[in-house]
Amino acid sequence: MRVLVVEPGKRPAEREIDGSLESMQAIVGGTIQAIYPFEDFVALICNDEAKLTFMPMNRMLWEINDVICGTFFLCRALPGEDRFSSLTDEELKLYKQRFEKTERFMRIGSTLMVMQER
């Protein structure tokens, strides 16, 4: 399964995985959670305890106004399917661009500042 892996402080990287639960958990460093913040058939798979275990902040998801912590990956998730699948070439290109710039986070009081790297 062809996925796009996004690690904190790094540019996205295309990776081939076997699609097993173990291979997905290895990428995110623990139990997985799938969220669907985008309008297309793409799932964001992250560690469901990332914030509780203080994993580093990774990227801001403006679509849901939340920060994803820890490493995550993107894959295809068609409605009615019980398995994830490979991203298309177009999806890979789109999401590589979407997550190309790394981000830094800074708290000022109760405000979280997000700064994109160049």
Protein backbone atom coordinates (compact mmCIF):
# COMPACT_ATOMS: atom_id res chain seq x y z
CA MET A 1 0.00 0.00 0.00
CA ARG A 2 1.45 3.35 -1.05
CA VAL A 3 1.13 5.98 1.69
CA LEU A 4 2.47 9.44 2.47
CA VAL A 5 4.29 9.62 5.82
CA VAL A 6 4.57 12.99 7.59
CA GLU A 7 7.01 13.19 10.49
CA PRO A 8 7.44 16.22 12.77
CA GLY A 9 10.04 18.60 11.36
CA LYS A 10 10.40 16.69 8.09
CA ARG A 11 9.00 16.87 4.59
CA PRO A 12 6.44 14.21 3.57
CA ALA A 13 7.84 10.94 2.24
CA GLU A 14 6.17 8.33 0.08
CA ARG A 15 6.42 4.85 1.55
CA GLU A 16 5.24 1.38 0.62
CA ILE A 17 3.77 -0.68 3.49
CA ASP A 18 2.00 -4.04 3.55
CA GLY A 19 -1.21 -2.55 4.98
CA SER A 20 -1.24 -4.71 8.10
CA LEU A 21 -2.23 -3.23 11.44
CA GLU A 22 1.32 -3.83 12.64
CA SER A 23 2.84 -1.86 9.75
CA MET A 24 0.50 1.06 10.42
CA GLN A 25 1.20 1.01 14.17
CA ALA A 26 4.94 0.96 13.48
CA ILE A 27 4.70 4.22 11.53
CA VAL A 28 2.69 6.12 14.16
CA GLY A 29 4.41 4.55 17.16
CA GLY A 30 1.38 2.96 18.82
CA THR A 31 -2.33 2.40 18.44
CA ILE A 32 -3.89 4.00 15.39
CA GLN A 33 -6.76 6.40 14.91
CA ALA A 34 -8.24 7.28 11.52
CA ILE A 35 -9.65 10.74 10.94
CA TYR A 36 -11.25 12.10 7.79
CA PRO A 37 -10.66 15.86 7.68
CA PHE A 38 -10.51 16.19 3.90
CA GLU A 39 -13.27 16.36 1.29
CA ASP A 40 -11.82 13.51 -0.77
CA PHE A 41 -11.40 9.83 0.10
CA VAL A 42 -8.18 10.26 2.07
CA ALA A 43 -7.75 9.18 5.68
CA LEU A 44 -5.19 10.59 8.08
CA ILE A 45 -3.86 7.81 10.33
CA CYS A 46 -2.24 8.95 13.56
CA ASN A 47 -1.42 7.72 17.06
CA ASP A 48 -4.61 7.97 19.12
CA GLU A 49 -2.61 8.72 22.29
CA ALA A 50 -0.16 11.20 20.74
CA LYS A 51 -1.35 14.19 22.75
CA LEU A 52 -1.67 12.21 25.98
CA THR A 53 1.91 10.95 25.65
CA PHE A 54 3.26 14.37 24.65
CA MET A 55 4.47 13.42 21.18
CA PRO A 56 5.83 16.46 19.33
CA MET A 57 3.42 18.70 17.48
CA ASN A 58 3.62 17.96 13.78
CA ARG A 59 1.20 19.86 11.52
CA MET A 60 -1.80 22.13 11.95
CA LEU A 61 -4.95 20.78 10.33
CA TRP A 62 -6.88 23.91 9.50
CA GLU A 63 -9.71 21.75 8.14
CA ILE A 64 -10.62 20.74 11.71
CA ASN A 65 -8.76 23.49 13.61
CA ASP A 66 -6.54 21.04 15.47
CA VAL A 67 -2.87 20.05 15.69
CA ILE A 68 -1.78 16.53 14.81
CA CYS A 69 0.97 15.31 17.13
CA GLY A 70 3.50 12.63 16.29
CA THR A 71 4.10 10.97 12.96
CA PHE A 72 1.05 10.36 10.78
CA PHE A 73 0.38 9.02 7.34
CA LEU A 74 -2.22 9.47 4.63
CA CYS A 75 -3.88 6.69 2.68
CA ARG A 76 -6.98 6.15 0.56
CA ALA A 77 -10.23 5.25 2.34
CA LEU A 78 -13.18 4.52 0.09
CA PRO A 79 -16.71 4.58 1.56
CA GLY A 80 -18.04 1.11 2.32
CA GLU A 81 -14.57 -0.47 2.24
CA ASP A 82 -13.21 -2.09 5.38
CA ARG A 83 -9.55 -1.67 4.38
CA PHE A 84 -7.35 1.26 3.52
CA SER A 85 -5.64 1.37 0.12
CA SER A 86 -2.92 3.17 -1.83
CA LEU A 87 -3.07 6.85 -2.59
CA THR A 88 -3.43 7.76 -6.26
CA ASP A 89 -0.65 9.68 -8.03
CA GLU A 90 -2.83 12.81 -7.92
CA GLU A 91 -3.47 12.44 -4.18
CA LEU A 92 0.24 11.93 -3.49
CA LYS A 93 1.08 15.09 -5.38
CA LEU A 94 -1.68 17.12 -3.72
CA TYR A 95 -0.82 16.08 -0.16
CA LYS A 96 2.93 16.34 -0.65
CA GLN A 97 2.30 19.98 -1.52
CA ARG A 98 -0.19 20.40 1.35
CA PHE A 99 2.29 19.19 3.98
CA GLU A 100 5.57 20.20 2.28
CA LYS A 101 6.43 22.97 4.74
CA THR A 102 7.28 21.97 8.26
CA GLU A 103 5.74 23.92 11.10
CA ARG A 104 6.89 25.19 14.47
CA PHE A 105 4.56 25.77 17.36
CA MET A 106 4.83 28.23 20.21
CA ARG A 107 2.46 28.86 23.08
CA ILE A 108 1.95 32.40 24.28
CA GLY A 109 -0.40 32.21 27.24
CA SER A 110 -3.41 30.27 26.00
CA THR A 111 -2.69 31.07 22.34
CA LEU A 112 -0.92 28.62 20.06
CA MET A 113 1.18 30.25 17.36
CA VAL A 114 1.89 28.24 14.18
CA MET A 115 4.84 29.24 12.01
CA GLN A 116 5.58 27.58 8.67
CA GLU A 117 9.20 26.89 7.85
CA ARG A 118 10.58 27.84 4.47
